Structure formats: C-alpha cells, structure tokens
Protein backbone atom coordinates (compact mmCIF):
# COMPACT_ATOMS: atom_id res chain seq x y z
CA MET A 1 9.18 4.76 10.51
CA THR A 2 11.28 5.77 7.51
CA HIS A 3 12.90 3.62 4.85
CA ALA A 4 14.41 4.08 1.41
CA ILE A 5 12.29 2.64 -1.39
CA GLU A 6 13.72 -0.45 -3.03
CA VAL A 7 12.41 -1.61 -6.38
CA GLY A 8 12.69 -5.30 -7.05
CA LYS A 9 10.64 -8.36 -7.82
CA PRO A 10 6.94 -7.62 -7.25
CA ASP A 11 5.45 -9.03 -4.06
CA TRP A 12 1.71 -9.44 -4.62
CA LEU A 13 0.88 -11.51 -1.54
CA PRO A 14 0.27 -8.59 0.87
CA LEU A 15 -2.16 -7.01 -1.62
CA GLU A 16 -3.88 -10.32 -2.35
CA ASN A 17 -4.38 -10.84 1.40
CA ALA A 18 -5.78 -7.32 1.87
CA ILE A 19 -8.36 -6.90 -0.90
CA PRO A 20 -10.63 -9.09 -3.03
CA PRO A 21 -8.73 -10.75 -5.92
CA GLU A 22 -10.80 -9.03 -8.61
CA TYR A 23 -9.46 -5.63 -7.47
CA CYS A 24 -5.76 -6.59 -7.48
CA GLU A 25 -5.44 -5.99 -11.24
CA ASP A 26 -6.09 -2.27 -10.59
CA TYR A 27 -2.76 -1.91 -8.75
CA MET A 28 0.88 -1.57 -9.74
CA PHE A 29 3.69 -2.76 -7.50
CA MET A 30 5.98 0.21 -6.90
CA GLY A 31 8.57 -1.28 -4.54
CA LYS A 32 9.18 -1.74 -0.84
CA ALA A 33 10.16 0.52 2.03
CA GLY A 34 11.56 -1.93 4.54
CA ASP A 35 8.82 -4.53 4.98
CA ILE A 36 6.13 -2.19 3.61
CA ALA A 37 5.00 -3.10 0.10
CA LEU A 38 3.89 -0.08 -1.96
CA TYR A 39 1.04 -0.42 -4.46
CA LYS A 40 -0.32 2.40 -6.63
CA HIS A 41 -3.91 2.31 -7.89
CA ARG A 42 -4.00 2.71 -11.67
CA LEU A 43 -6.92 5.17 -11.75
CA THR A 44 -6.69 7.18 -8.54
CA ARG A 45 -2.84 7.14 -8.51
CA ARG A 46 -3.01 6.81 -4.72
CA TYR A 47 -0.96 4.34 -2.72
CA LEU A 48 -1.94 1.36 -0.63
CA ASN A 49 1.01 0.59 1.68
CA ILE A 50 0.91 -2.80 3.39
CA ASP A 51 3.41 -4.37 5.76
CA ALA A 52 4.35 -7.68 4.10
CA VAL A 53 4.96 -9.36 7.46
CA THR A 54 2.12 -8.10 9.66
CA GLY A 55 -0.51 -7.04 7.10
CA LYS A 56 -0.82 -3.62 8.76
CA PHE A 57 -1.54 -0.54 6.63
CA TYR A 58 0.46 2.66 6.46
CA ARG A 59 0.14 6.19 5.12
CA TYR A 60 3.20 8.16 4.06
CA ALA A 61 3.10 11.53 5.79
CA ASN A 62 5.77 14.09 6.61
CA GLY A 63 8.61 11.82 5.47
CA GLU A 64 7.59 8.70 7.37
CA TYR A 65 5.17 5.78 7.31
CA VAL A 66 2.43 6.06 9.91
CA GLU A 67 0.19 3.12 10.77
CA ILE A 68 -3.50 3.50 9.90
CA ASP A 69 -6.39 1.06 9.93
CA ARG A 70 -7.63 -0.85 6.89
CA ARG A 71 -10.70 1.35 6.38
CA GLN A 72 -8.61 4.53 6.39
CA ALA A 73 -6.19 3.01 3.90
CA LEU A 74 -8.90 1.93 1.46
CA ASP A 75 -10.84 5.19 1.86
CA SER A 76 -7.67 7.09 0.98
CA VAL A 77 -6.94 4.98 -2.12
CA TYR A 78 -10.47 5.29 -3.47
CA GLY A 79 -10.83 8.98 -2.63
CA HIS A 80 -13.44 8.55 0.09
CA ASP A 81 -11.32 10.49 2.57
CA GLN A 82 -11.96 13.82 0.90
C-alpha cells in the first residue's frame, strides 16, 4: 500500500487508542498517508504508523506500508527490534 504524505490538522485519536495516554506526549504528528496516521517519537525518531480507521499498525518498507502487529510496531519505535 502506497500513499503520498499529507500534512494537515493533527489526528491524535489513533495514537491515543494505541498507547497509554502518558506516552502520547512523546510523539509528534507528522501527517497521513491515506488513512495511516504517522507519528514520530521525539527521542528515538522512529515512526509509529497507525491506520486511523482500523487501528492496524504499519511499517514503511521499500516504498510501501506493510501491516505489522502491535508488538512489532512498538518494538521498532522503542528500539527493541535491534
């Protein structure tokens, strides 16, 4: 799945539904690629990509968004996938 990134009004709901509220302040809204909301972690600079409609998680690889599970997404953001 590929989409151009659109920057607009921040949509925090997908992030708030995915992680505990106290961790949301560590993220910046970067835009959307289709229905996928893109959030960058302030310290690790890694992305958490969440479908705003379904709540599914995605990794950007080889020019497209590939679905991954929640654990993989969070491990990637926090550097536990190394």
